Amino acid sequence: MREKRPRPRRSTALVTTFTTGCVVAWAGAAIAAEGAPAQQGTAESRRALLYEALSAPPKGYVRALAGLSFGGGLRFNNPYRLATQLGATAESPSATAPYTTLMGALAFGPPDGLQHGGMLGLTFALSGVGQTVLTPGYVLMYRGPGRWLAYGRAGPEILLSPDPNVGLTAAGGGAFLLTGGLGLVLDVAGSLFYGASTWEKKYPAYPVLSASLGLIVDVEFLP
């Protein structure tokens, strides 16, 4: 006959089960504690990346400008002794005809900082000989957090009528924004043209200094 093995007592089985559960729970807590710093570091790095993305300057920002101004200028060489001569000699300054200018520009860059782009101006003489001047060029502007906008521009100045001619111009100006998109603008420009030869000079140069005052519209296109 086989010997009957004594069955383990129920109390011993309960103690064994309880001990095993405690060991498993302790091991799980230890593993979770080791992974917590890593998870915390991952969450902090994600928050840092999100903050960096939100605080970075927006890309695709565009500023569009349109303006209408009126002005006049001084010509510092008058070989033909025009009626507006202000001095006694040919080299004396003479006044140009008053003019009006239509202007448009597009600039790219951060909203509060340096922006650059292109501009196009069309100028018409308001008296005397009819003149039309086209002025394409490069523009660099700065718009800070306040109401002021400053800019500089440079490029060719193309005389379309009455006689075609090409000169160079460099200008600077500023605008004070009365509202978020409407302001007063002052533009000061220096231009240089070469004209027909005279008895005194074969290639005479005609420097012109002009200034205009007008209105400007500022429209911002956010990305």
N, C-alpha and C. Protein backbone atom coordinates (compact mmCIF):
# COMPACT_ATOMS: atom_id res chain seq x y z
N MET A 1 0.83 -1.19 0.00
CA MET A 1 0.00 0.00 0.00
C MET A 1 0.85 1.23 0.00
N ARG A 2 0.39 2.27 -0.77
CA ARG A 2 1.10 3.55 -0.78
C ARG A 2 0.82 4.31 0.48
N GLU A 3 1.89 5.00 0.88
CA GLU A 3 1.71 5.84 2.05
C GLU A 3 1.02 7.14 1.66
N LYS A 4 0.11 7.56 2.43
CA LYS A 4 -0.59 8.82 2.18
C LYS A 4 0.21 9.98 2.74
N ARG A 5 0.60 10.92 1.79
CA ARG A 5 1.36 12.10 2.21
C ARG A 5 0.43 13.07 2.91
N PRO A 6 0.96 13.63 3.93
CA PRO A 6 0.11 14.61 4.63
C PRO A 6 -0.12 15.85 3.79
N ARG A 7 -1.34 16.35 3.69
CA ARG A 7 -1.68 17.56 2.93
C ARG A 7 -1.20 18.79 3.70
N PRO A 8 -0.68 19.78 2.93
CA PRO A 8 -0.24 20.99 3.62
C PRO A 8 -1.43 21.69 4.24
N ARG A 9 -1.13 22.26 5.36
CA ARG A 9 -2.19 22.96 6.04
C ARG A 9 -2.60 24.21 5.25
N ARG A 10 -3.90 24.54 5.39
CA ARG A 10 -4.45 25.67 4.65
C ARG A 10 -3.80 26.97 5.10
N SER A 11 -3.44 27.06 6.34
CA SER A 11 -2.80 28.29 6.84
C SER A 11 -1.46 28.50 6.19
N THR A 12 -0.71 27.42 5.98
CA THR A 12 0.60 27.55 5.31
C THR A 12 0.44 28.04 3.89
N ALA A 13 -0.56 27.55 3.16
CA ALA A 13 -0.80 28.00 1.77
C ALA A 13 -1.16 29.47 1.73
N LEU A 14 -1.96 29.93 2.69
CA LEU A 14 -2.32 31.34 2.71
C LEU A 14 -1.12 32.22 2.96
N VAL A 15 -0.26 31.78 3.88
CA VAL A 15 0.95 32.57 4.15
C VAL A 15 1.85 32.64 2.93
N THR A 16 1.97 31.52 2.22
CA THR A 16 2.82 31.51 1.02
C THR A 16 2.26 32.44 -0.06
N THR A 17 0.95 32.38 -0.26
CA THR A 17 0.33 33.25 -1.27
C THR A 17 0.49 34.71 -0.91
N PHE A 18 0.28 35.04 0.36
CA PHE A 18 0.43 36.43 0.79
C PHE A 18 1.86 36.93 0.62
N THR A 19 2.83 36.08 0.95
CA THR A 19 4.25 36.47 0.81
C THR A 19 4.61 36.69 -0.66
N THR A 20 4.14 35.79 -1.53
CA THR A 20 4.43 35.94 -2.96
C THR A 20 3.84 37.23 -3.51
N GLY A 21 2.60 37.56 -3.11
CA GLY A 21 1.97 38.80 -3.56
C GLY A 21 2.72 40.02 -3.11
N CYS A 22 3.21 40.01 -1.86
CA CYS A 22 3.98 41.15 -1.37
C CYS A 22 5.26 41.34 -2.17
N VAL A 23 5.92 40.23 -2.49
CA VAL A 23 7.16 40.33 -3.27
C VAL A 23 6.89 40.90 -4.64
N VAL A 24 5.83 40.43 -5.30
CA VAL A 24 5.49 40.93 -6.64
C VAL A 24 5.13 42.41 -6.59
N ALA A 25 4.36 42.82 -5.58
CA ALA A 25 3.99 44.23 -5.46
C ALA A 25 5.19 45.12 -5.22
N TRP A 26 6.11 44.62 -4.37
CA TRP A 26 7.33 45.41 -4.09
C TRP A 26 8.18 45.57 -5.35
N ALA A 27 8.28 44.48 -6.12
CA ALA A 27 9.07 44.55 -7.36
C ALA A 27 8.45 45.52 -8.36
N GLY A 28 7.11 45.49 -8.48
CA GLY A 28 6.45 46.42 -9.39
C GLY A 28 6.62 47.86 -8.97
N ALA A 29 6.55 48.12 -7.66
CA ALA A 29 6.74 49.49 -7.17
C ALA A 29 8.16 49.97 -7.44
N ALA A 30 9.12 49.08 -7.27
CA ALA A 30 10.51 49.46 -7.52
C ALA A 30 10.73 49.81 -8.99
N ILE A 31 10.15 49.01 -9.89
CA ILE A 31 10.31 49.28 -11.33
C ILE A 31 9.64 50.60 -11.70
N ALA A 32 8.45 50.86 -11.13
CA ALA A 32 7.76 52.12 -11.43
C ALA A 32 8.53 53.31 -10.91
N ALA A 33 9.15 53.16 -9.73
CA ALA A 33 9.94 54.26 -9.18
C ALA A 33 11.14 54.57 -10.04
N GLU A 34 11.75 53.51 -10.61
CA GLU A 34 12.90 53.75 -11.49
C GLU A 34 12.49 54.43 -12.79
N GLY A 35 11.30 54.16 -13.31
CA GLY A 35 10.85 54.77 -14.58
C GLY A 35 10.24 56.14 -14.42
N ALA A 36 9.88 56.55 -13.18
CA ALA A 36 9.24 57.84 -12.98
C ALA A 36 10.11 59.01 -13.37
N PRO A 37 11.42 59.07 -12.97
CA PRO A 37 12.25 60.21 -13.40
C PRO A 37 12.35 60.32 -14.91
N ALA A 38 12.44 59.16 -15.60
CA ALA A 38 12.54 59.21 -17.06
C ALA A 38 11.28 59.79 -17.66
N GLN A 39 10.10 59.35 -17.13
CA GLN A 39 8.85 59.89 -17.66
C GLN A 39 8.72 61.38 -17.35
N GLN A 40 9.17 61.78 -16.14
CA GLN A 40 9.11 63.19 -15.79
C GLN A 40 10.01 64.03 -16.70
N GLY A 41 11.21 63.50 -17.00
CA GLY A 41 12.12 64.22 -17.91
C GLY A 41 11.54 64.34 -19.30
N THR A 42 10.85 63.28 -19.76
CA THR A 42 10.23 63.33 -21.09
C THR A 42 9.14 64.40 -21.13
N ALA A 43 8.33 64.48 -20.08
CA ALA A 43 7.27 65.49 -20.04
C ALA A 43 7.85 66.90 -20.03
N GLU A 44 8.93 67.11 -19.27
CA GLU A 44 9.55 68.44 -19.23
C GLU A 44 10.14 68.81 -20.58
N SER A 45 10.78 67.86 -21.27
CA SER A 45 11.35 68.15 -22.58
C SER A 45 10.26 68.48 -23.59
N ARG A 46 9.10 67.80 -23.48
CA ARG A 46 8.00 68.12 -24.39
C ARG A 46 7.48 69.52 -24.14
N ARG A 47 7.36 69.90 -22.87
CA ARG A 47 6.90 71.25 -22.56
C ARG A 47 7.89 72.30 -23.06
N ALA A 48 9.20 72.00 -22.94
CA ALA A 48 10.21 72.94 -23.42
C ALA A 48 10.14 73.10 -24.94
N LEU A 49 9.95 72.00 -25.66
CA LEU A 49 9.84 72.08 -27.12
C LEU A 49 8.59 72.85 -27.52
N LEU A 50 7.48 72.64 -26.82
CA LEU A 50 6.26 73.36 -27.13
C LEU A 50 6.41 74.86 -26.88
N TYR A 51 7.06 75.23 -25.78
CA TYR A 51 7.28 76.64 -25.48
C TYR A 51 8.18 77.28 -26.53
N GLU A 52 9.21 76.55 -26.95
CA GLU A 52 10.12 77.09 -27.97
C GLU A 52 9.39 77.31 -29.28
N ALA A 53 8.52 76.37 -29.65
CA ALA A 53 7.78 76.52 -30.91
C ALA A 53 6.81 77.69 -30.85
N LEU A 54 6.15 77.88 -29.69
CA LEU A 54 5.17 78.98 -29.58
C LEU A 54 5.84 80.34 -29.48
N SER A 55 7.04 80.40 -28.88
CA SER A 55 7.72 81.68 -28.72
C SER A 55 8.56 82.08 -29.92
N ALA A 56 8.77 81.19 -30.87
CA ALA A 56 9.57 81.51 -32.05
C ALA A 56 8.80 82.49 -32.94
N PRO A 57 9.53 83.37 -33.69
CA PRO A 57 8.85 84.30 -34.60
C PRO A 57 8.04 83.55 -35.64
N PRO A 58 6.85 84.00 -35.94
CA PRO A 58 6.02 83.29 -36.93
C PRO A 58 6.64 83.35 -38.32
N LYS A 59 6.53 82.25 -39.04
CA LYS A 59 7.06 82.18 -40.40
C LYS A 59 5.92 82.45 -41.38
N GLY A 60 6.29 83.05 -42.51
CA GLY A 60 5.28 83.36 -43.50
C GLY A 60 4.58 84.68 -43.26
N TYR A 61 5.14 85.54 -42.41
CA TYR A 61 4.53 86.84 -42.14
C TYR A 61 4.81 87.80 -43.29
N VAL A 62 3.79 88.55 -43.72
CA VAL A 62 3.92 89.49 -44.84
C VAL A 62 3.29 90.82 -44.42
N ARG A 63 3.98 91.91 -44.74
CA ARG A 63 3.46 93.26 -44.52
C ARG A 63 3.27 93.92 -45.88
N ALA A 64 2.07 94.43 -46.13
CA ALA A 64 1.77 95.13 -47.38
C ALA A 64 1.51 96.60 -47.07
N LEU A 65 2.12 97.47 -47.87
CA LEU A 65 1.97 98.91 -47.69
C LEU A 65 1.45 99.54 -48.98
N ALA A 66 0.62 100.54 -48.83
CA ALA A 66 0.15 101.34 -49.96
C ALA A 66 0.09 102.79 -49.50
N GLY A 67 0.50 103.71 -50.39
CA GLY A 67 0.55 105.10 -49.98
C GLY A 67 0.26 106.08 -51.10
N LEU A 68 -0.15 107.27 -50.70
CA LEU A 68 -0.37 108.40 -51.61
C LEU A 68 0.26 109.62 -50.96
N SER A 69 1.15 110.30 -51.70
CA SER A 69 1.85 111.45 -51.13
C SER A 69 1.99 112.56 -52.16
N PHE A 70 2.27 113.77 -51.66
CA PHE A 70 2.49 114.95 -52.48
C PHE A 70 3.79 115.60 -52.04
N GLY A 71 4.55 116.10 -53.01
CA GLY A 71 5.82 116.70 -52.65
C GLY A 71 6.41 117.56 -53.74
N GLY A 72 7.64 117.95 -53.51
CA GLY A 72 8.40 118.78 -54.45
C GLY A 72 9.88 118.60 -54.18
N GLY A 73 10.71 119.26 -54.98
CA GLY A 73 12.13 119.06 -54.82
C GLY A 73 12.97 120.21 -55.32
N LEU A 74 14.29 120.05 -55.15
CA LEU A 74 15.28 121.01 -55.62
C LEU A 74 16.23 120.31 -56.59
N ARG A 75 16.47 120.95 -57.71
CA ARG A 75 17.44 120.46 -58.70
C ARG A 75 18.71 121.30 -58.55
N PHE A 76 19.86 120.64 -58.41
CA PHE A 76 21.10 121.35 -58.12
C PHE A 76 21.97 121.57 -59.36
N ASN A 77 21.39 121.47 -60.52
CA ASN A 77 22.08 121.81 -61.75
C ASN A 77 21.00 122.23 -62.75
N ASN A 78 21.15 123.42 -63.34
CA ASN A 78 20.10 123.96 -64.20
C ASN A 78 20.72 124.54 -65.47
N PRO A 79 21.30 123.67 -66.30
CA PRO A 79 22.01 124.20 -67.47
C PRO A 79 21.11 124.90 -68.46
N TYR A 80 19.83 124.60 -68.45
CA TYR A 80 18.92 125.21 -69.41
C TYR A 80 18.22 126.43 -68.84
N ARG A 81 18.59 126.82 -67.60
CA ARG A 81 18.04 128.01 -66.95
C ARG A 81 16.51 128.01 -66.99
N LEU A 82 15.98 126.98 -66.34
CA LEU A 82 14.53 126.84 -66.28
C LEU A 82 13.92 128.01 -65.52
N ALA A 83 12.62 128.19 -65.70
CA ALA A 83 11.94 129.34 -65.10
C ALA A 83 11.96 129.30 -63.58
N THR A 84 12.17 128.10 -63.02
CA THR A 84 12.16 127.97 -61.57
C THR A 84 13.55 128.11 -60.96
N GLN A 85 14.50 128.63 -61.70
CA GLN A 85 15.85 128.81 -61.16
C GLN A 85 15.81 129.73 -59.94
N LEU A 86 16.53 129.33 -58.87
CA LEU A 86 16.49 130.09 -57.63
C LEU A 86 17.73 130.96 -57.42
N GLY A 87 18.73 130.82 -58.27
CA GLY A 87 19.96 131.60 -58.14
C GLY A 87 20.32 132.30 -59.43
N ALA A 88 21.51 132.90 -59.45
CA ALA A 88 21.93 133.70 -60.60
C ALA A 88 22.72 132.90 -61.62
N THR A 89 23.23 131.73 -61.26
CA THR A 89 24.06 130.96 -62.19
C THR A 89 23.37 129.64 -62.52
N ALA A 90 23.94 128.97 -63.53
CA ALA A 90 23.36 127.71 -63.97
C ALA A 90 23.48 126.63 -62.90
N GLU A 91 24.48 126.77 -62.03
CA GLU A 91 24.66 125.78 -60.97
C GLU A 91 23.77 126.05 -59.76
N SER A 92 23.00 127.12 -59.79
CA SER A 92 22.12 127.44 -58.67
C SER A 92 20.98 126.43 -58.60
N PRO A 93 20.47 126.16 -57.41
CA PRO A 93 19.33 125.25 -57.31
C PRO A 93 18.10 125.81 -58.02
N SER A 94 17.27 124.91 -58.49
CA SER A 94 15.99 125.29 -59.09
C SER A 94 14.93 124.35 -58.54
N ALA A 95 13.71 124.84 -58.49
CA ALA A 95 12.62 124.05 -57.94
C ALA A 95 12.05 123.12 -59.01
N THR A 96 11.78 121.91 -58.62
CA THR A 96 11.10 120.99 -59.53
C THR A 96 9.60 121.26 -59.49
N ALA A 97 8.90 120.66 -60.40
CA ALA A 97 7.44 120.77 -60.39
C ALA A 97 6.89 119.97 -59.20
N PRO A 98 5.81 120.42 -58.59
CA PRO A 98 5.17 119.60 -57.55
C PRO A 98 4.67 118.30 -58.16
N TYR A 99 4.62 117.26 -57.34
CA TYR A 99 4.28 115.94 -57.87
C TYR A 99 3.46 115.17 -56.85
N THR A 100 2.83 114.11 -57.35
CA THR A 100 2.13 113.16 -56.51
C THR A 100 2.65 111.76 -56.81
N THR A 101 2.71 110.92 -55.79
CA THR A 101 3.27 109.58 -55.93
C THR A 101 2.33 108.54 -55.36
N LEU A 102 2.11 107.50 -56.15
CA LEU A 102 1.40 106.31 -55.68
C LEU A 102 2.44 105.24 -55.40
N MET A 103 2.36 104.60 -54.24
CA MET A 103 3.38 103.65 -53.84
C MET A 103 2.77 102.38 -53.28
N GLY A 104 3.43 101.25 -53.56
CA GLY A 104 3.05 99.97 -52.96
C GLY A 104 4.30 99.19 -52.61
N ALA A 105 4.23 98.40 -51.55
CA ALA A 105 5.41 97.63 -51.12
C ALA A 105 4.96 96.36 -50.43
N LEU A 106 5.83 95.34 -50.50
CA LEU A 106 5.67 94.08 -49.78
C LEU A 106 6.95 93.81 -49.02
N ALA A 107 6.84 93.44 -47.75
CA ALA A 107 8.01 93.17 -46.92
C ALA A 107 7.80 91.87 -46.16
N PHE A 108 8.90 91.16 -45.92
CA PHE A 108 8.86 89.87 -45.26
C PHE A 108 9.85 89.88 -44.10
N GLY A 109 9.49 89.21 -43.02
CA GLY A 109 10.36 89.16 -41.85
C GLY A 109 9.55 89.13 -40.57
N PRO A 110 10.22 89.18 -39.42
CA PRO A 110 9.50 89.15 -38.14
C PRO A 110 8.62 90.38 -37.97
N PRO A 111 7.47 90.25 -37.32
CA PRO A 111 6.55 91.39 -37.18
C PRO A 111 7.18 92.58 -36.45
N ASP A 112 7.95 92.31 -35.39
CA ASP A 112 8.61 93.38 -34.63
C ASP A 112 10.11 93.27 -34.86
N GLY A 113 10.57 93.83 -35.96
CA GLY A 113 11.99 93.76 -36.29
C GLY A 113 12.23 94.20 -37.72
N LEU A 114 13.41 93.87 -38.23
CA LEU A 114 13.77 94.24 -39.60
C LEU A 114 13.03 93.38 -40.61
N GLN A 115 12.47 94.03 -41.60
CA GLN A 115 11.78 93.35 -42.69
C GLN A 115 12.32 93.91 -44.01
N HIS A 116 12.34 93.08 -45.03
CA HIS A 116 12.84 93.55 -46.32
C HIS A 116 11.95 93.01 -47.43
N GLY A 117 12.00 93.71 -48.57
CA GLY A 117 11.16 93.29 -49.69
C GLY A 117 11.33 94.23 -50.87
N GLY A 118 10.27 94.43 -51.60
CA GLY A 118 10.32 95.26 -52.79
C GLY A 118 9.22 96.32 -52.77
N MET A 119 9.44 97.39 -53.52
CA MET A 119 8.46 98.47 -53.61
C MET A 119 8.38 98.95 -55.05
N LEU A 120 7.28 99.63 -55.34
CA LEU A 120 7.06 100.19 -56.67
C LEU A 120 6.32 101.50 -56.51
N GLY A 121 6.89 102.56 -57.12
CA GLY A 121 6.27 103.88 -57.04
C GLY A 121 6.01 104.43 -58.44
N LEU A 122 4.96 105.22 -58.56
CA LEU A 122 4.62 105.88 -59.83
C LEU A 122 4.34 107.34 -59.51
N THR A 123 5.14 108.24 -60.13
CA THR A 123 5.08 109.67 -59.82
C THR A 123 4.63 110.46 -61.04
N PHE A 124 3.75 111.45 -60.80
CA PHE A 124 3.25 112.31 -61.87
C PHE A 124 3.49 113.77 -61.49
N ALA A 125 4.02 114.55 -62.46
CA ALA A 125 4.18 115.99 -62.25
C ALA A 125 2.80 116.65 -62.29
N LEU A 126 2.59 117.62 -61.40
CA LEU A 126 1.29 118.29 -61.31
C LEU A 126 1.24 119.61 -62.05
N SER A 127 2.35 120.08 -62.56
CA SER A 127 2.36 121.33 -63.32
C SER A 127 3.53 121.31 -64.28
N GLY A 128 3.55 122.27 -65.20
CA GLY A 128 4.65 122.36 -66.16
C GLY A 128 4.61 121.23 -67.17
N VAL A 129 5.79 120.81 -67.61
CA VAL A 129 5.90 119.72 -68.57
C VAL A 129 5.44 118.42 -67.91
N GLY A 130 4.58 117.68 -68.59
CA GLY A 130 4.09 116.43 -68.02
C GLY A 130 5.19 115.40 -67.90
N GLN A 131 5.42 114.90 -66.72
CA GLN A 131 6.44 113.89 -66.48
C GLN A 131 5.82 112.72 -65.71
N THR A 132 6.26 111.51 -66.07
CA THR A 132 5.85 110.30 -65.38
C THR A 132 7.10 109.51 -65.05
N VAL A 133 7.24 109.14 -63.79
CA VAL A 133 8.45 108.45 -63.34
C VAL A 133 8.04 107.17 -62.64
N LEU A 134 8.69 106.07 -63.03
CA LEU A 134 8.47 104.76 -62.41
C LEU A 134 9.67 104.44 -61.52
N THR A 135 9.41 104.04 -60.27
CA THR A 135 10.50 103.82 -59.31
C THR A 135 10.35 102.44 -58.66
N PRO A 136 10.96 101.40 -59.26
CA PRO A 136 11.03 100.12 -58.55
C PRO A 136 12.24 100.13 -57.62
N GLY A 137 12.24 99.29 -56.61
CA GLY A 137 13.40 99.28 -55.73
C GLY A 137 13.29 98.28 -54.60
N TYR A 138 14.37 98.20 -53.86
CA TYR A 138 14.46 97.35 -52.67
C TYR A 138 14.15 98.20 -51.44
N VAL A 139 13.43 97.63 -50.47
CA VAL A 139 13.06 98.37 -49.28
C VAL A 139 13.42 97.56 -48.04
N LEU A 140 13.97 98.25 -47.06
CA LEU A 140 14.30 97.68 -45.75
C LEU A 140 13.59 98.52 -44.70
N MET A 141 12.78 97.88 -43.87
CA MET A 141 12.00 98.65 -42.90
C MET A 141 12.06 98.02 -41.52
N TYR A 142 11.72 98.85 -40.54
CA TYR A 142 11.68 98.39 -39.15
C TYR A 142 10.39 98.87 -38.52
N ARG A 143 9.64 97.94 -37.98
CA ARG A 143 8.42 98.27 -37.26
C ARG A 143 8.53 97.69 -35.86
N GLY A 144 8.65 98.54 -34.86
CA GLY A 144 8.78 98.08 -33.49
C GLY A 144 7.42 97.93 -32.83
N PRO A 145 7.41 97.78 -31.51
CA PRO A 145 6.14 97.61 -30.80
C PRO A 145 5.33 98.90 -30.70
N GLY A 146 5.93 100.06 -31.00
CA GLY A 146 5.21 101.32 -30.90
C GLY A 146 4.48 101.68 -32.18
N ARG A 147 4.24 102.98 -32.37
CA ARG A 147 3.48 103.47 -33.52
C ARG A 147 4.36 103.88 -34.70
N TRP A 148 5.69 103.77 -34.57
CA TRP A 148 6.57 104.26 -35.61
C TRP A 148 7.02 103.13 -36.53
N LEU A 149 7.16 103.49 -37.79
CA LEU A 149 7.71 102.60 -38.82
C LEU A 149 8.77 103.38 -39.58
N ALA A 150 9.99 102.86 -39.66
CA ALA A 150 11.07 103.52 -40.39
C ALA A 150 11.51 102.63 -41.56
N TYR A 151 11.95 103.24 -42.64
CA TYR A 151 12.35 102.46 -43.81
C TYR A 151 13.43 103.18 -44.61
N GLY A 152 14.11 102.41 -45.42
CA GLY A 152 15.04 102.93 -46.40
C GLY A 152 14.83 102.19 -47.71
N ARG A 153 15.02 102.86 -48.81
CA ARG A 153 14.81 102.24 -50.12
C ARG A 153 15.85 102.72 -51.12
N ALA A 154 16.10 101.90 -52.13
CA ALA A 154 17.06 102.25 -53.17
C ALA A 154 16.72 101.49 -54.44
N GLY A 155 17.04 102.11 -55.58
CA GLY A 155 16.77 101.46 -56.85
C GLY A 155 16.85 102.43 -58.01
N PRO A 156 16.52 101.97 -59.20
CA PRO A 156 16.52 102.86 -60.37
C PRO A 156 15.30 103.77 -60.37
N GLU A 157 15.42 104.88 -61.05
CA GLU A 157 14.30 105.81 -61.24
C GLU A 157 14.16 106.00 -62.75
N ILE A 158 13.06 105.52 -63.30
CA ILE A 158 12.88 105.46 -64.75
C ILE A 158 11.93 106.57 -65.19
N LEU A 159 12.45 107.51 -65.96
CA LEU A 159 11.63 108.60 -66.51
C LEU A 159 10.95 108.09 -67.78
N LEU A 160 9.63 107.97 -67.73
CA LEU A 160 8.87 107.44 -68.87
C LEU A 160 8.51 108.51 -69.89
N SER A 161 8.24 109.72 -69.43
CA SER A 161 7.88 110.81 -70.33
C SER A 161 8.30 112.14 -69.69
N PRO A 162 8.56 113.18 -70.47
CA PRO A 162 8.40 113.23 -71.93
C PRO A 162 9.54 112.56 -72.69
N ASP A 163 10.74 112.52 -72.12
CA ASP A 163 11.89 111.87 -72.77
C ASP A 163 12.38 110.76 -71.86
N PRO A 164 12.50 109.53 -72.37
CA PRO A 164 12.95 108.42 -71.53
C PRO A 164 14.36 108.67 -70.97
N ASN A 165 14.55 108.30 -69.73
CA ASN A 165 15.85 108.44 -69.07
C ASN A 165 15.84 107.53 -67.84
N VAL A 166 17.03 107.20 -67.37
CA VAL A 166 17.15 106.33 -66.19
C VAL A 166 18.13 106.96 -65.22
N GLY A 167 17.74 107.03 -63.96
CA GLY A 167 18.61 107.53 -62.91
C GLY A 167 18.63 106.58 -61.73
N LEU A 168 19.27 107.00 -60.69
CA LEU A 168 19.35 106.23 -59.46
C LEU A 168 18.79 107.05 -58.31
N THR A 169 18.17 106.38 -57.36
CA THR A 169 17.61 107.07 -56.21
C THR A 169 17.84 106.28 -54.94
N ALA A 170 18.03 106.99 -53.85
CA ALA A 170 18.12 106.41 -52.51
C ALA A 170 17.29 107.29 -51.59
N ALA A 171 16.50 106.68 -50.75
CA ALA A 171 15.57 107.45 -49.93
C ALA A 171 15.41 106.80 -48.57
N GLY A 172 14.89 107.60 -47.66
CA GLY A 172 14.57 107.11 -46.33
C GLY A 172 13.36 107.87 -45.82
N GLY A 173 12.68 107.28 -44.89
CA GLY A 173 11.50 107.93 -44.37
C GLY A 173 10.96 107.24 -43.15
N GLY A 174 9.87 107.75 -42.67
CA GLY A 174 9.23 107.19 -41.49
C GLY A 174 7.75 107.46 -41.53
N ALA A 175 7.01 106.63 -40.83
CA ALA A 175 5.56 106.78 -40.75
C ALA A 175 5.13 106.71 -39.29
N PHE A 176 4.17 107.53 -38.95
CA PHE A 176 3.55 107.49 -37.62
C PHE A 176 2.14 106.95 -37.79
N LEU A 177 1.86 105.80 -37.19
CA LEU A 177 0.59 105.13 -37.36
C LEU A 177 -0.46 105.76 -36.44
N LEU A 178 -1.43 106.42 -37.04
CA LEU A 178 -2.52 107.01 -36.28
C LEU A 178 -3.44 105.94 -35.71
N THR A 179 -3.65 104.89 -36.48
CA THR A 179 -4.40 103.71 -36.04
C THR A 179 -3.54 102.49 -36.32
N GLY A 180 -4.13 101.31 -36.18
CA GLY A 180 -3.35 100.10 -36.44
C GLY A 180 -2.90 99.97 -37.87
N GLY A 181 -3.62 100.59 -38.82
CA GLY A 181 -3.25 100.41 -40.22
C GLY A 181 -3.19 101.67 -41.05
N LEU A 182 -3.35 102.86 -40.44
CA LEU A 182 -3.34 104.11 -41.20
C LEU A 182 -2.40 105.10 -40.52
N GLY A 183 -1.53 105.72 -41.34
CA GLY A 183 -0.58 106.64 -40.74
C GLY A 183 -0.13 107.73 -41.69
N LEU A 184 0.63 108.68 -41.14
CA LEU A 184 1.25 109.75 -41.91
C LEU A 184 2.68 109.35 -42.24
N VAL A 185 3.11 109.60 -43.48
CA VAL A 185 4.44 109.19 -43.92
C VAL A 185 5.20 110.39 -44.48
N LEU A 186 6.47 110.48 -44.15
CA LEU A 186 7.38 111.49 -44.69
C LEU A 186 8.51 110.78 -45.40
N ASP A 187 8.75 111.14 -46.66
CA ASP A 187 9.76 110.49 -47.49
C ASP A 187 10.74 111.54 -48.00
N VAL A 188 12.04 111.31 -47.82
CA VAL A 188 13.09 112.21 -48.32
C VAL A 188 13.98 111.39 -49.26
N ALA A 189 14.14 111.86 -50.50
CA ALA A 189 14.86 111.10 -51.52
C ALA A 189 15.92 111.94 -52.20
N GLY A 190 17.00 111.28 -52.55
CA GLY A 190 18.05 111.89 -53.37
C GLY A 190 18.19 111.12 -54.66
N SER A 191 18.14 111.81 -55.80
CA SER A 191 18.20 111.16 -57.11
C SER A 191 19.31 111.77 -57.94
N LEU A 192 19.78 110.99 -58.92
CA LEU A 192 20.84 111.46 -59.82
C LEU A 192 20.51 111.00 -61.23
N PHE A 193 20.44 111.98 -62.15
CA PHE A 193 20.19 111.70 -63.56
C PHE A 193 21.33 112.25 -64.40
N TYR A 194 21.55 111.60 -65.53
CA TYR A 194 22.48 112.13 -66.54
C TYR A 194 21.67 112.56 -67.75
N GLY A 195 21.98 113.75 -68.30
CA GLY A 195 21.19 114.29 -69.39
C GLY A 195 22.02 114.57 -70.64
N ALA A 196 21.41 115.33 -71.55
CA ALA A 196 22.07 115.67 -72.82
C ALA A 196 23.26 116.60 -72.57
N SER A 197 24.25 116.48 -73.42
CA SER A 197 25.47 117.27 -73.25
C SER A 197 25.20 118.75 -73.54
N THR A 198 26.00 119.59 -72.93
CA THR A 198 25.92 121.04 -73.14
C THR A 198 27.29 121.54 -73.59
N TRP A 199 27.40 122.87 -73.82
CA TRP A 199 28.70 123.43 -74.21
C TRP A 199 29.71 123.27 -73.08
N GLU A 200 29.23 123.33 -71.86
CA GLU A 200 30.18 123.26 -70.73
C GLU A 200 30.55 121.82 -70.38
N LYS A 201 29.59 120.88 -70.47
CA LYS A 201 29.84 119.51 -70.04
C LYS A 201 29.27 118.54 -71.06
N LYS A 202 30.07 117.48 -71.29
CA LYS A 202 29.61 116.49 -72.24
C LYS A 202 28.58 115.56 -71.61
N TYR A 203 28.77 115.20 -70.34
CA TYR A 203 27.84 114.33 -69.62
C TYR A 203 27.41 115.02 -68.32
N PRO A 204 26.48 115.94 -68.41
CA PRO A 204 26.05 116.65 -67.21
C PRO A 204 25.21 115.76 -66.29
N ALA A 205 25.37 115.97 -65.00
CA ALA A 205 24.60 115.23 -64.00
C ALA A 205 23.60 116.16 -63.34
N TYR A 206 22.44 115.63 -63.03
CA TYR A 206 21.39 116.42 -62.43
C TYR A 206 20.99 115.79 -61.09
N PRO A 207 21.60 116.23 -60.01
CA PRO A 207 21.16 115.74 -58.69
C PRO A 207 19.90 116.45 -58.25
N VAL A 208 18.99 115.68 -57.65
CA VAL A 208 17.71 116.21 -57.20
C VAL A 208 17.46 115.73 -55.78
N LEU A 209 17.06 116.65 -54.92
CA LEU A 209 16.67 116.32 -53.55
C LEU A 209 15.19 116.65 -53.40
N SER A 210 14.41 115.68 -52.99
CA SER A 210 12.96 115.89 -52.91
C SER A 210 12.41 115.34 -51.60
N ALA A 211 11.24 115.85 -51.25
CA ALA A 211 10.56 115.39 -50.03
C ALA A 211 9.07 115.38 -50.29
N SER A 212 8.39 114.44 -49.66
CA SER A 212 6.94 114.32 -49.84
C SER A 212 6.29 113.93 -48.52
N LEU A 213 5.03 114.27 -48.40
CA LEU A 213 4.24 113.97 -47.21
C LEU A 213 2.91 113.39 -47.66
N GLY A 214 2.46 112.33 -46.99
CA GLY A 214 1.21 111.73 -47.41
C GLY A 214 0.66 110.73 -46.41
N LEU A 215 -0.22 109.89 -46.89
CA LEU A 215 -0.86 108.86 -46.08
C LEU A 215 -0.37 107.48 -46.50
N ILE A 216 -0.31 106.57 -45.52
CA ILE A 216 0.13 105.22 -45.80
C ILE A 216 -0.82 104.25 -45.12
N VAL A 217 -1.10 103.14 -45.80
CA VAL A 217 -1.94 102.07 -45.25
C VAL A 217 -1.07 100.85 -45.02
N ASP A 218 -1.11 100.32 -43.81
CA ASP A 218 -0.29 99.17 -43.42
C ASP A 218 -1.21 97.98 -43.15
N VAL A 219 -1.05 96.91 -43.92
CA VAL A 219 -1.85 95.70 -43.77
C VAL A 219 -0.93 94.53 -43.47
N GLU A 220 -1.24 93.78 -42.42
CA GLU A 220 -0.43 92.64 -42.00
C GLU A 220 -1.15 91.34 -42.32
N PHE A 221 -0.40 90.40 -42.91
CA PHE A 221 -0.92 89.07 -43.23
C PHE A 221 -0.20 88.07 -42.33
N LEU A 222 -0.93 87.55 -41.33
CA LEU A 222 -0.34 86.62 -40.38
C LEU A 222 -0.35 85.21 -40.95
N PRO A 223 0.65 84.38 -40.59
CA PRO A 223 0.68 83.01 -41.11
C PRO A 223 -0.42 82.15 -40.49
